[in-house]
Amino acid sequence: MDLINILLALLSIGFGALGWLAPRYTMDKLDLATKNDSTMGVSEVRAASGALFVGLGLGALLTGLPGAYAAIGFAWGGGAVGRLTSIVLDGSSRSKWIFFAVEAVVGLLAIAINL
């Protein structure tokens, strides 16, 4: 279980680093656009889809606490809930289902092995 926790934390850090350090690449992959030359979209991706997950993963690795690893699961699980809400309310797409599946699996796995 320790190895799985470490891998989930590294996954969170890796994807977070992409959002944090390569927000325009991330926005392109997620089909997001900026409006009127505003940098708020880039800022939001750096923060909410990026550095937040880097901090979450690093915190779990540094503390090694089951609760910290479970928090990774709750964060990814929350993402899965948001994604499913979008599928239901905003319309379905193959990309949304793939992202939902990854978020749900990571979230449920991290919660299941740590609570």
PDB file of N, CA and C in Angstrom:
ATOM      1  N   MET A   1       0.824  -1.197   0.000  1.00  0.00           N
ATOM      2  CA  MET A   1       0.000   0.000   0.000  1.00  0.00           C
ATOM      3  C   MET A   1       0.865   1.256   0.000  1.00  0.00           C
ATOM      4  N   ASP A   2       2.015   1.178   0.650  1.00  0.00           N
ATOM      5  CA  ASP A   2       2.899   2.341   0.648  1.00  0.00           C
ATOM      6  C   ASP A   2       3.313   2.709  -0.769  1.00  0.00           C
ATOM      7  N   LEU A   3       3.616   1.711  -1.578  1.00  0.00           N
ATOM      8  CA  LEU A   3       4.025   1.965  -2.955  1.00  0.00           C
ATOM      9  C   LEU A   3       2.889   2.602  -3.746  1.00  0.00           C
ATOM     10  N   ILE A   4       1.679   2.111  -3.564  1.00  0.00           N
ATOM     11  CA  ILE A   4       0.525   2.692  -4.269  1.00  0.00           C
ATOM     12  C   ILE A   4       0.331   4.140  -3.836  1.00  0.00           C
ATOM     13  N   ASN A   5       0.431   4.417  -2.537  1.00  0.00           N
ATOM     14  CA  ASN A   5       0.294   5.791  -2.052  1.00  0.00           C
ATOM     15  C   ASN A   5       1.345   6.702  -2.668  1.00  0.00           C
ATOM     16  N   ILE A   6       2.579   6.223  -2.703  1.00  0.00           N
ATOM     17  CA  ILE A   6       3.655   7.032  -3.287  1.00  0.00           C
ATOM     18  C   ILE A   6       3.383   7.294  -4.764  1.00  0.00           C
ATOM     19  N   LEU A   7       2.945   6.275  -5.480  1.00  0.00           N
ATOM     20  CA  LEU A   7       2.643   6.455  -6.908  1.00  0.00           C
ATOM     21  C   LEU A   7       1.493   7.445  -7.120  1.00  0.00           C
ATOM     22  N   LEU A   8       0.455   7.367  -6.284  1.00  0.00           N
ATOM     23  CA  LEU A   8      -0.668   8.312  -6.409  1.00  0.00           C
ATOM     24  C   LEU A   8      -0.224   9.735  -6.091  1.00  0.00           C
ATOM     25  N   ALA A   9       0.646   9.876  -5.087  1.00  0.00           N
ATOM     26  CA  ALA A   9       1.172  11.207  -4.761  1.00  0.00           C
ATOM     27  C   ALA A   9       2.016  11.744  -5.909  1.00  0.00           C
ATOM     28  N   LEU A  10       2.858  10.890  -6.490  1.00  0.00           N
ATOM     29  CA  LEU A  10       3.691  11.316  -7.624  1.00  0.00           C
ATOM     30  C   LEU A  10       2.842  11.647  -8.843  1.00  0.00           C
ATOM     31  N   LEU A  11       1.766  10.899  -9.058  1.00  0.00           N
ATOM     32  CA  LEU A  11       0.838  11.209 -10.145  1.00  0.00           C
ATOM     33  C   LEU A  11       0.230  12.593  -9.945  1.00  0.00           C
ATOM     34  N   SER A  12      -0.186  12.876  -8.721  1.00  0.00           N
ATOM     35  CA  SER A  12      -0.750  14.194  -8.412  1.00  0.00           C
ATOM     36  C   SER A  12       0.282  15.291  -8.633  1.00  0.00           C
ATOM     37  N   ILE A  13       1.499  15.048  -8.180  1.00  0.00           N
ATOM     38  CA  ILE A  13       2.574  16.033  -8.365  1.00  0.00           C
ATOM     39  C   ILE A  13       2.871  16.225  -9.846  1.00  0.00           C
ATOM     40  N   GLY A  14       2.934  15.132 -10.595  1.00  0.00           N
ATOM     41  CA  GLY A  14       3.241  15.229 -12.028  1.00  0.00           C
ATOM     42  C   GLY A  14       2.205  16.007 -12.805  1.00  0.00           C
ATOM     43  N   PHE A  15       0.932  15.644 -12.626  1.00  0.00           N
ATOM     44  CA  PHE A  15      -0.119  16.388 -13.322  1.00  0.00           C
ATOM     45  C   PHE A  15      -0.205  17.822 -12.806  1.00  0.00           C
ATOM     46  N   GLY A  16      -0.002  17.996 -11.510  1.00  0.00           N
ATOM     47  CA  GLY A  16      -0.008  19.342 -10.948  1.00  0.00           C
ATOM     48  C   GLY A  16       1.105  20.198 -11.521  1.00  0.00           C
ATOM     49  N   ALA A  17       2.279  19.604 -11.685  1.00  0.00           N
ATOM     50  CA  ALA A  17       3.411  20.353 -12.244  1.00  0.00           C
ATOM     51  C   ALA A  17       3.112  20.822 -13.662  1.00  0.00           C
ATOM     52  N   LEU A  18       2.402  19.991 -14.434  1.00  0.00           N
ATOM     53  CA  LEU A  18       2.019  20.421 -15.787  1.00  0.00           C
ATOM     54  C   LEU A  18       1.125  21.655 -15.738  1.00  0.00           C
ATOM     55  N   GLY A  19       0.108  21.609 -14.870  1.00  0.00           N
ATOM     56  CA  GLY A  19      -0.788  22.760 -14.760  1.00  0.00           C
ATOM     57  C   GLY A  19      -0.083  23.995 -14.237  1.00  0.00           C
ATOM     58  N   TRP A  20       0.813  23.799 -13.292  1.00  0.00           N
ATOM     59  CA  TRP A  20       1.522  24.908 -12.663  1.00  0.00           C
ATOM     60  C   TRP A  20       2.554  25.530 -13.599  1.00  0.00           C
ATOM     61  N   LEU A  21       3.384  24.689 -14.209  1.00  0.00           N
ATOM     62  CA  LEU A  21       4.518  25.192 -14.978  1.00  0.00           C
ATOM     63  C   LEU A  21       4.271  25.274 -16.480  1.00  0.00           C
ATOM     64  N   ALA A  22       3.231  24.599 -16.951  1.00  0.00           N
ATOM     65  CA  ALA A  22       2.885  24.646 -18.377  1.00  0.00           C
ATOM     66  C   ALA A  22       1.379  24.856 -18.526  1.00  0.00           C
ATOM     67  N   PRO A  23       0.870  25.979 -18.009  1.00  0.00           N
ATOM     68  CA  PRO A  23      -0.586  26.162 -18.013  1.00  0.00           C
ATOM     69  C   PRO A  23      -1.188  26.268 -19.407  1.00  0.00           C
ATOM     70  N   ARG A  24      -0.471  26.863 -20.333  1.00  0.00           N
ATOM     71  CA  ARG A  24      -1.040  26.994 -21.687  1.00  0.00           C
ATOM     72  C   ARG A  24      -1.126  25.626 -22.375  1.00  0.00           C
ATOM     73  N   TYR A  25      -0.148  24.771 -22.153  1.00  0.00           N
ATOM     74  CA  TYR A  25      -0.208  23.404 -22.666  1.00  0.00           C
ATOM     75  C   TYR A  25      -1.416  22.683 -22.050  1.00  0.00           C
ATOM     76  N   THR A  26      -1.567  22.823 -20.746  1.00  0.00           N
ATOM     77  CA  THR A  26      -2.687  22.203 -20.040  1.00  0.00           C
ATOM     78  C   THR A  26      -4.010  22.729 -20.571  1.00  0.00           C
ATOM     79  N   MET A  27      -4.097  24.036 -20.757  1.00  0.00           N
ATOM     80  CA  MET A  27      -5.332  24.637 -21.270  1.00  0.00           C
ATOM     81  C   MET A  27      -5.645  24.128 -22.670  1.00  0.00           C
ATOM     82  N   ASP A  28      -4.616  23.954 -23.477  1.00  0.00           N
ATOM     83  CA  ASP A  28      -4.820  23.432 -24.828  1.00  0.00           C
ATOM     84  C   ASP A  28      -5.360  22.002 -24.770  1.00  0.00           C
ATOM     85  N   LYS A  29      -4.795  21.175 -23.903  1.00  0.00           N
ATOM     86  CA  LYS A  29      -5.241  19.787 -23.783  1.00  0.00           C
ATOM     87  C   LYS A  29      -6.652  19.691 -23.218  1.00  0.00           C
ATOM     88  N   LEU A  30      -7.060  20.666 -22.408  1.00  0.00           N
ATOM     89  CA  LEU A  30      -8.392  20.672 -21.807  1.00  0.00           C
ATOM     90  C   LEU A  30      -9.388  21.505 -22.598  1.00  0.00           C
ATOM     91  N   ASP A  31      -8.943  22.032 -23.742  1.00  0.00           N
ATOM     92  CA  ASP A  31      -9.803  22.831 -24.608  1.00  0.00           C
ATOM     93  C   ASP A  31     -10.324  24.076 -23.888  1.00  0.00           C
ATOM     94  N   LEU A  32      -9.423  24.742 -23.151  1.00  0.00           N
ATOM     95  CA  LEU A  32      -9.766  25.979 -22.450  1.00  0.00           C
ATOM     96  C   LEU A  32      -9.180  27.169 -23.192  1.00  0.00           C
ATOM     97  N   ALA A  33      -9.830  28.305 -23.084  1.00  0.00           N
ATOM     98  CA  ALA A  33      -9.364  29.502 -23.773  1.00  0.00           C
ATOM     99  C   ALA A  33      -9.377  30.689 -22.821  1.00  0.00           C
ATOM    100  N   THR A  34      -8.514  31.658 -23.102  1.00  0.00           N
ATOM    101  CA  THR A  34      -8.521  32.907 -22.346  1.00  0.00           C
ATOM    102  C   THR A  34      -9.459  33.890 -23.031  1.00  0.00           C
ATOM    103  N   LYS A  35      -9.838  34.918 -22.321  1.00  0.00           N
ATOM    104  CA  LYS A  35     -10.787  35.898 -22.835  1.00  0.00           C
ATOM    105  C   LYS A  35     -10.166  37.293 -22.794  1.00  0.00           C
ATOM    106  N   ASN A  36     -10.212  37.983 -23.903  1.00  0.00           N
ATOM    107  CA  ASN A  36      -9.772  39.377 -23.979  1.00  0.00           C
ATOM    108  C   ASN A  36      -8.372  39.591 -23.418  1.00  0.00           C
ATOM    109  N   ASP A  37      -7.445  38.732 -23.756  1.00  0.00           N
ATOM    110  CA  ASP A  37      -6.053  38.828 -23.309  1.00  0.00           C
ATOM    111  C   ASP A  37      -5.892  38.800 -21.797  1.00  0.00           C
ATOM    112  N   SER A  38      -6.898  38.339 -21.081  1.00  0.00           N
ATOM    113  CA  SER A  38      -6.801  38.209 -19.631  1.00  0.00           C
ATOM    114  C   SER A  38      -5.892  37.031 -19.284  1.00  0.00           C
ATOM    115  N   THR A  39      -5.153  37.160 -18.215  1.00  0.00           N
ATOM    116  CA  THR A  39      -4.314  36.066 -17.750  1.00  0.00           C
ATOM    117  C   THR A  39      -4.932  35.333 -16.558  1.00  0.00           C
ATOM    118  N   MET A  40      -6.173  35.633 -16.240  1.00  0.00           N
ATOM    119  CA  MET A  40      -6.830  34.972 -15.107  1.00  0.00           C
ATOM    120  C   MET A  40      -7.042  33.481 -15.345  1.00  0.00           C
ATOM    121  N   GLY A  41      -7.330  33.090 -16.573  1.00  0.00           N
ATOM    122  CA  GLY A  41      -7.480  31.671 -16.871  1.00  0.00           C
ATOM    123  C   GLY A  41      -6.182  30.914 -16.636  1.00  0.00           C
ATOM    124  N   VAL A  42      -5.075  31.494 -17.093  1.00  0.00           N
ATOM    125  CA  VAL A  42      -3.759  30.898 -16.881  1.00  0.00           C
ATOM    126  C   VAL A  42      -3.463  30.832 -15.385  1.00  0.00           C
ATOM    127  N   SER A  43      -3.779  31.893 -14.683  1.00  0.00           N
ATOM    128  CA  SER A  43      -3.567  31.934 -13.234  1.00  0.00           C
ATOM    129  C   SER A  43      -4.375  30.863 -12.518  1.00  0.00           C
ATOM    130  N   GLU A  44      -5.610  30.668 -12.935  1.00  0.00           N
ATOM    131  CA  GLU A  44      -6.470  29.663 -12.317  1.00  0.00           C
ATOM    132  C   GLU A  44      -5.936  28.253 -12.554  1.00  0.00           C
ATOM    133  N   VAL A  45      -5.461  27.976 -13.765  1.00  0.00           N
ATOM    134  CA  VAL A  45      -4.902  26.661 -14.062  1.00  0.00           C
ATOM    135  C   VAL A  45      -3.630  26.445 -13.242  1.00  0.00           C
ATOM    136  N   ARG A  46      -2.764  27.461 -13.166  1.00  0.00           N
ATOM    137  CA  ARG A  46      -1.544  27.339 -12.356  1.00  0.00           C
ATOM    138  C   ARG A  46      -1.886  27.018 -10.896  1.00  0.00           C
ATOM    139  N   ALA A  47      -2.921  27.660 -10.373  1.00  0.00           N
ATOM    140  CA  ALA A  47      -3.272  27.493  -8.961  1.00  0.00           C
ATOM    141  C   ALA A  47      -4.106  26.241  -8.712  1.00  0.00           C
ATOM    142  N   ALA A  48      -5.296  26.175  -9.303  1.00  0.00           N
ATOM    143  CA  ALA A  48      -6.272  25.128  -8.961  1.00  0.00           C
ATOM    144  C   ALA A  48      -5.985  23.784  -9.620  1.00  0.00           C
ATOM    145  N   SER A  49      -5.426  23.791 -10.816  1.00  0.00           N
ATOM    146  CA  SER A  49      -5.121  22.529 -11.494  1.00  0.00           C
ATOM    147  C   SER A  49      -3.635  22.200 -11.419  1.00  0.00           C
ATOM    148  N   GLY A  50      -2.879  23.090 -10.831  1.00  0.00           N
ATOM    149  CA  GLY A  50      -1.437  22.918 -10.805  1.00  0.00           C
ATOM    150  C   GLY A  50      -0.833  22.817  -9.429  1.00  0.00           C
ATOM    151  N   ALA A  51      -0.425  23.956  -8.912  1.00  0.00           N
ATOM    152  CA  ALA A  51       0.326  23.977  -7.663  1.00  0.00           C
ATOM    153  C   ALA A  51      -0.453  23.385  -6.492  1.00  0.00           C
ATOM    154  N   LEU A  52      -1.769  23.465  -6.507  1.00  0.00           N
ATOM    155  CA  LEU A  52      -2.576  22.846  -5.462  1.00  0.00           C
ATOM    156  C   LEU A  52      -2.289  21.346  -5.383  1.00  0.00           C
ATOM    157  N   PHE A  53      -2.235  20.671  -6.519  1.00  0.00           N
ATOM    158  CA  PHE A  53      -1.977  19.229  -6.534  1.00  0.00           C
ATOM    159  C   PHE A  53      -0.516  18.899  -6.243  1.00  0.00           C
ATOM    160  N   VAL A  54       0.387  19.800  -6.603  1.00  0.00           N
ATOM    161  CA  VAL A  54       1.788  19.616  -6.221  1.00  0.00           C
ATOM    162  C   VAL A  54       1.894  19.665  -4.699  1.00  0.00           C
ATOM    163  N   GLY A  55       1.278  20.662  -4.091  1.00  0.00           N
ATOM    164  CA  GLY A  55       1.303  20.778  -2.633  1.00  0.00           C
ATOM    165  C   GLY A  55       0.637  19.602  -1.947  1.00  0.00           C
ATOM    166  N   LEU A  56      -0.459  19.148  -2.481  1.00  0.00           N
ATOM    167  CA  LEU A  56      -1.176  18.006  -1.914  1.00  0.00           C
ATOM    168  C   LEU A  56      -0.305  16.751  -1.943  1.00  0.00           C
ATOM    169  N   GLY A  57       0.307  16.482  -3.075  1.00  0.00           N
ATOM    170  CA  GLY A  57       1.175  15.312  -3.199  1.00  0.00           C
ATOM    171  C   GLY A  57       2.420  15.408  -2.342  1.00  0.00           C
ATOM    172  N   LEU A  58       3.050  16.581  -2.317  1.00  0.00           N
ATOM    173  CA  LEU A  58       4.245  16.765  -1.492  1.00  0.00           C
ATOM    174  C   LEU A  58       3.916  16.629  -0.008  1.00  0.00           C
ATOM    175  N   GLY A  59       2.780  17.185   0.390  1.00  0.00           N
ATOM    176  CA  GLY A  59       2.375  17.076   1.784  1.00  0.00           C
ATOM    177  C   GLY A  59       2.188  15.632   2.205  1.00  0.00           C
ATOM    178  N   ALA A  60       1.585  14.838   1.339  1.00  0.00           N
ATOM    179  CA  ALA A  60       1.393  13.417   1.648  1.00  0.00           C
ATOM    180  C   ALA A  60       2.734  12.697   1.731  1.00  0.00           C
ATOM    181  N   LEU A  61       3.630  12.971   0.785  1.00  0.00           N
ATOM    182  CA  LEU A  61       4.936  12.316   0.806  1.00  0.00           C
ATOM    183  C   LEU A  61       5.754  12.719   2.028  1.00  0.00           C
ATOM    184  N   LEU A  62       5.707  13.999   2.376  1.00  0.00           N
ATOM    185  CA  LEU A  62       6.508  14.479   3.505  1.00  0.00           C
ATOM    186  C   LEU A  62       5.984  13.985   4.848  1.00  0.00           C
ATOM    187  N   THR A  63       4.674  13.909   5.006  1.00  0.00           N
ATOM    188  CA  THR A  63       4.127  13.468   6.286  1.00  0.00           C
ATOM    189  C   THR A  63       3.986  11.954   6.359  1.00  0.00           C
ATOM    190  N   GLY A  64       3.694  11.332   5.226  1.00  0.00           N
ATOM    191  CA  GLY A  64       3.489   9.894   5.202  1.00  0.00           C
ATOM    192  C   GLY A  64       2.237   9.433   5.937  1.00  0.00           C
ATOM    193  N   LEU A  65       1.369  10.348   6.263  1.00  0.00           N
ATOM    194  CA  LEU A  65       0.170  10.018   7.033  1.00  0.00           C
ATOM    195  C   LEU A  65      -0.935   9.473   6.127  1.00  0.00           C
ATOM    196  N   PRO A  66      -1.626   8.424   6.578  1.00  0.00           N
ATOM    197  CA  PRO A  66      -2.741   7.907   5.781  1.00  0.00           C
ATOM    198  C   PRO A  66      -3.784   8.983   5.464  1.00  0.00           C
ATOM    199  N   GLY A  67      -4.043   9.876   6.406  1.00  0.00           N
ATOM    200  CA  GLY A  67      -5.006  10.943   6.167  1.00  0.00           C
ATOM    201  C   GLY A  67      -4.580  11.876   5.046  1.00  0.00           C
ATOM    202  N   ALA A  68      -3.275  12.099   4.923  1.00  0.00           N
ATOM    203  CA  ALA A  68      -2.775  12.954   3.845  1.00  0.00           C
ATOM    204  C   ALA A  68      -2.959  12.269   2.486  1.00  0.00           C
ATOM    205  N   TYR A  69      -2.724  10.955   2.459  1.00  0.00           N
ATOM    206  CA  TYR A  69      -2.947  10.216   1.216  1.00  0.00           C
ATOM    207  C   TYR A  69      -4.439  10.122   0.903  1.00  0.00           C
ATOM    208  N   ALA A  70      -5.256   9.991   1.942  1.00  0.00           N
ATOM    209  CA  ALA A  70      -6.713   9.984   1.725  1.00  0.00           C
ATOM    210  C   ALA A  70      -7.166  11.325   1.169  1.00  0.00           C
ATOM    211  N   ALA A  71      -6.528  12.419   1.611  1.00  0.00           N
ATOM    212  CA  ALA A  71      -6.888  13.747   1.095  1.00  0.00           C
ATOM    213  C   ALA A  71      -6.657  13.832  -0.409  1.00  0.00           C
ATOM    214  N   ILE A  72      -5.613  13.153  -0.892  1.00  0.00           N
ATOM    215  CA  ILE A  72      -5.407  13.076  -2.343  1.00  0.00           C
ATOM    216  C   ILE A  72      -6.637  12.435  -2.982  1.00  0.00           C
ATOM    217  N   GLY A  73      -7.123  11.377  -2.367  1.00  0.00           N
ATOM    218  CA  GLY A  73      -8.312  10.703  -2.892  1.00  0.00           C
ATOM    219  C   GLY A  73      -9.538  11.580  -2.877  1.00  0.00           C
ATOM    220  N   PHE A  74      -9.720  12.324  -1.793  1.00  0.00           N
ATOM    221  CA  PHE A  74     -10.881  13.216  -1.730  1.00  0.00           C
ATOM    222  C   PHE A  74     -10.793  14.326  -2.772  1.00  0.00           C
ATOM    223  N   ALA A  75      -9.597  14.838  -3.017  1.00  0.00           N
ATOM    224  CA  ALA A  75      -9.431  15.885  -4.036  1.00  0.00           C
ATOM    225  C   ALA A  75      -9.740  15.336  -5.428  1.00  0.00           C
ATOM    226  N   TRP A  76      -9.156  14.181  -5.765  1.00  0.00           N
ATOM    227  CA  TRP A  76      -9.432  13.582  -7.073  1.00  0.00           C
ATOM    228  C   TRP A  76     -10.893  13.160  -7.168  1.00  0.00           C
ATOM    229  N   GLY A  77     -11.450  12.646  -6.072  1.00  0.00           N
ATOM    230  CA  GLY A  77     -12.865  12.277  -6.053  1.00  0.00           C
ATOM    231  C   GLY A  77     -13.769  13.474  -6.267  1.00  0.00           C
ATOM    232  N   GLY A  78     -13.395  14.601  -5.660  1.00  0.00           N
ATOM    233  CA  GLY A  78     -14.154  15.832  -5.889  1.00  0.00           C
ATOM    234  C   GLY A  78     -14.109  16.244  -7.346  1.00  0.00           C
ATOM    235  N   GLY A  79     -12.942  16.072  -7.962  1.00  0.00           N
ATOM    236  CA  GLY A  79     -12.835  16.343  -9.394  1.00  0.00           C
ATOM    237  C   GLY A  79     -13.744  15.447 -10.205  1.00  0.00           C
ATOM    238  N   ALA A  80     -13.821  14.172  -9.803  1.00  0.00           N
ATOM    239  CA  ALA A  80     -14.696  13.230 -10.506  1.00  0.00           C
ATOM    240  C   ALA A  80     -16.160  13.637 -10.379  1.00  0.00           C
ATOM    241  N   VAL A  81     -16.556  14.100  -9.195  1.00  0.00           N
ATOM    242  CA  VAL A  81     -17.939  14.561  -8.998  1.00  0.00           C
ATOM    243  C   VAL A  81     -18.221  15.770  -9.891  1.00  0.00           C
ATOM    244  N   GLY A  82     -17.291  16.707  -9.936  1.00  0.00           N
ATOM    245  CA  GLY A  82     -17.461  17.872 -10.802  1.00  0.00           C
ATOM    246  C   GLY A  82     -17.535  17.492 -12.265  1.00  0.00           C
ATOM    247  N   ARG A  83     -16.695  16.526 -12.653  1.00  0.00           N
ATOM    248  CA  ARG A  83     -16.688  16.082 -14.051  1.00  0.00           C
ATOM    249  C   ARG A  83     -18.005  15.394 -14.398  1.00  0.00           C
ATOM    250  N   LEU A  84     -18.501  14.548 -13.507  1.00  0.00           N
ATOM    251  CA  LEU A  84     -19.770  13.860 -13.757  1.00  0.00           C
ATOM    252  C   LEU A  84     -20.919  14.870 -13.826  1.00  0.00           C
ATOM    253  N   THR A  85     -20.864  15.879 -12.972  1.00  0.00           N
ATOM    254  CA  THR A  85     -21.871  16.940 -13.023  1.00  0.00           C
ATOM    255  C   THR A  85     -21.862  17.607 -14.386  1.00  0.00           C
ATOM    256  N   SER A  86     -20.665  17.862 -14.919  1.00  0.00           N
ATOM    257  CA  SER A  86     -20.561  18.473 -16.246  1.00  0.00           C
ATOM    258  C   SER A  86     -21.103  17.558 -17.331  1.00  0.00           C
ATOM    259  N   ILE A  87     -20.832  16.267 -17.212  1.00  0.00           N
ATOM    260  CA  ILE A  87     -21.352  15.313 -18.198  1.00  0.00           C
ATOM    261  C   ILE A  87     -22.876  15.349 -18.219  1.00  0.00           C
ATOM    262  N   VAL A  88     -23.477  15.382 -17.040  1.00  0.00           N
ATOM    263  CA  VAL A  88     -24.941  15.373 -16.941  1.00  0.00           C
ATOM    264  C   VAL A  88     -25.539  16.709 -17.379  1.00  0.00           C
ATOM    265  N   LEU A  89     -24.972  17.811 -16.892  1.00  0.00           N
ATOM    266  CA  LEU A  89     -25.583  19.126 -17.134  1.00  0.00           C
ATOM    267  C   LEU A  89     -25.110  19.821 -18.405  1.00  0.00           C
ATOM    268  N   ASP A  90     -23.860  19.568 -18.810  1.00  0.00           N
ATOM    269  CA  ASP A  90     -23.285  20.314 -19.932  1.00  0.00           C
ATOM    270  C   ASP A  90     -23.144  19.492 -21.200  1.00  0.00           C
ATOM    271  N   GLY A  91     -23.304  18.187 -21.081  1.00  0.00           N
ATOM    272  CA  GLY A  91     -23.167  17.324 -22.246  1.00  0.00           C
ATOM    273  C   GLY A  91     -21.955  16.414 -22.137  1.00  0.00           C
ATOM    274  N   SER A  92     -22.095  15.281 -22.757  1.00  0.00           N
ATOM    275  CA  SER A  92     -21.092  14.233 -22.686  1.00  0.00           C
ATOM    276  C   SER A  92     -20.096  14.342 -23.834  1.00  0.00           C
ATOM    277  N   SER A  93     -18.865  13.913 -23.558  1.00  0.00           N
ATOM    278  CA  SER A  93     -17.866  13.761 -24.610  1.00  0.00           C
ATOM    279  C   SER A  93     -16.917  12.644 -24.190  1.00  0.00           C
ATOM    280  N   ARG A  94     -16.219  12.101 -25.156  1.00  0.00           N
ATOM    281  CA  ARG A  94     -15.266  11.028 -24.866  1.00  0.00           C
ATOM    282  C   ARG A  94     -14.206  11.514 -23.880  1.00  0.00           C
ATOM    283  N   SER A  95     -13.688  12.714 -24.080  1.00  0.00           N
ATOM    284  CA  SER A  95     -12.655  13.262 -23.195  1.00  0.00           C
ATOM    285  C   SER A  95     -13.157  13.389 -21.762  1.00  0.00           C
ATOM    286  N   LYS A  96     -14.371  13.861 -21.604  1.00  0.00           N
ATOM    287  CA  LYS A  96     -14.929  14.000 -20.258  1.00  0.00           C
ATOM    288  C   LYS A  96     -15.021  12.653 -19.557  1.00  0.00           C
ATOM    289  N   TRP A  97     -15.436  11.622 -20.283  1.00  0.00           N
ATOM    290  CA  TRP A  97     -15.555  10.292 -19.682  1.00  0.00           C
ATOM    291  C   TRP A  97     -14.190   9.728 -19.304  1.00  0.00           C
ATOM    292  N   ILE A  98     -13.186   9.972 -20.126  1.00  0.00           N
ATOM    293  CA  ILE A  98     -11.832   9.497 -19.816  1.00  0.00           C
ATOM    294  C   ILE A  98     -11.309  10.194 -18.563  1.00  0.00           C
ATOM    295  N   PHE A  99     -11.448  11.510 -18.515  1.00  0.00           N
ATOM    296  CA  PHE A  99     -10.999  12.255 -17.338  1.00  0.00           C
ATOM    297  C   PHE A  99     -11.764  11.810 -16.096  1.00  0.00           C
ATOM    298  N   PHE A 100     -13.078  11.621 -16.235  1.00  0.00           N
ATOM    299  CA  PHE A 100     -13.885  11.159 -15.113  1.00  0.00           C
ATOM    300  C   PHE A 100     -13.383   9.813 -14.605  1.00  0.00           C
ATOM    301  N   ALA A 101     -13.124   8.892 -15.511  1.00  0.00           N
ATOM    302  CA  ALA A 101     -12.677   7.554 -15.111  1.00  0.00           C
ATOM    303  C   ALA A 101     -11.362   7.612 -14.346  1.00  0.00           C
ATOM    304  N   VAL A 102     -10.416   8.381 -14.840  1.00  0.00           N
ATOM    305  CA  VAL A 102      -9.123   8.506 -14.154  1.00  0.00           C
ATOM    306  C   VAL A 102      -9.317   9.131 -12.782  1.00  0.00           C
ATOM    307  N   GLU A 103     -10.065  10.222 -12.716  1.00  0.00           N
ATOM    308  CA  GLU A 103     -10.298  10.898 -11.440  1.00  0.00           C
ATOM    309  C   GLU A 103     -10.998   9.983 -10.438  1.00  0.00           C
ATOM    310  N   ALA A 104     -11.983   9.258 -10.898  1.00  0.00           N
ATOM    311  CA  ALA A 104     -12.731   8.366 -10.016  1.00  0.00           C
ATOM    312  C   ALA A 104     -11.855   7.225  -9.509  1.00  0.00           C
ATOM    313  N   VAL A 105     -11.071   6.617 -10.378  1.00  0.00           N
ATOM    314  CA  VAL A 105     -10.210   5.503  -9.970  1.00  0.00           C
ATOM    315  C   VAL A 105      -9.157   5.972  -8.970  1.00  0.00           C
ATOM    316  N   VAL A 106      -8.471   7.068  -9.277  1.00  0.00           N
ATOM    317  CA  VAL A 106      -7.457   7.583  -8.349  1.00  0.00           C
ATOM    318  C   VAL A 106      -8.108   7.950  -7.019  1.00  0.00           C
ATOM    319  N   GLY A 107      -9.233   8.648  -7.082  1.00  0.00           N
ATOM    320  CA  GLY A 107      -9.914   9.063  -5.858  1.00  0.00           C
ATOM    321  C   GLY A 107     -10.353   7.898  -5.006  1.00  0.00           C
ATOM    322  N   LEU A 108     -11.050   6.944  -5.600  1.00  0.00           N
ATOM    323  CA  LEU A 108     -11.565   5.801  -4.838  1.00  0.00           C
ATOM    324  C   LEU A 108     -10.428   4.926  -4.308  1.00  0.00           C
ATOM    325  N   LEU A 109      -9.388   4.740  -5.098  1.00  0.00           N
ATOM    326  CA  LEU A 109      -8.270   3.925  -4.659  1.00  0.00           C
ATOM    327  C   LEU A 109      -7.567   4.561  -3.452  1.00  0.00           C
ATOM    328  N   ALA A 110      -7.275   5.850  -3.539  1.00  0.00           N
ATOM    329  CA  ALA A 110      -6.582   6.524  -2.435  1.00  0.00           C
ATOM    330  C   ALA A 110      -7.430   6.529  -1.160  1.00  0.00           C
ATOM    331  N   ILE A 111      -8.719   6.701  -1.306  1.00  0.00           N
ATOM    332  CA  ILE A 111      -9.604   6.681  -0.125  1.00  0.00           C
ATOM    333  C   ILE A 111      -9.686   5.267   0.439  1.00  0.00           C
ATOM    334  N   ALA A 112      -9.880   4.289  -0.424  1.00  0.00           N
ATOM    335  CA  ALA A 112     -10.085   2.907   0.027  1.00  0.00           C
ATOM    336  C   ALA A 112      -8.886   2.351   0.791  1.00  0.00           C
ATOM    337  N   ILE A 113      -7.674   2.665   0.368  1.00  0.00           N
ATOM    338  CA  ILE A 113      -6.515   2.079   1.027  1.00  0.00           C
ATOM    339  C   ILE A 113      -6.028   2.881   2.232  1.00  0.00           C
ATOM    340  N   ASN A 114      -6.623   4.050   2.452  1.00  0.00           N
ATOM    341  CA  ASN A 114      -6.154   4.898   3.544  1.00  0.00           C
ATOM    342  C   ASN A 114      -7.171   5.178   4.636  1.00  0.00           C
ATOM    343  N   LEU A 115      -8.409   4.749   4.460  1.00  0.00           N
ATOM    344  CA  LEU A 115      -9.412   4.953   5.520  1.00  0.00           C
ATOM    345  C   LEU A 115      -9.855   3.623   6.081  1.00  0.00           C
TER     346      LEU A 115
END
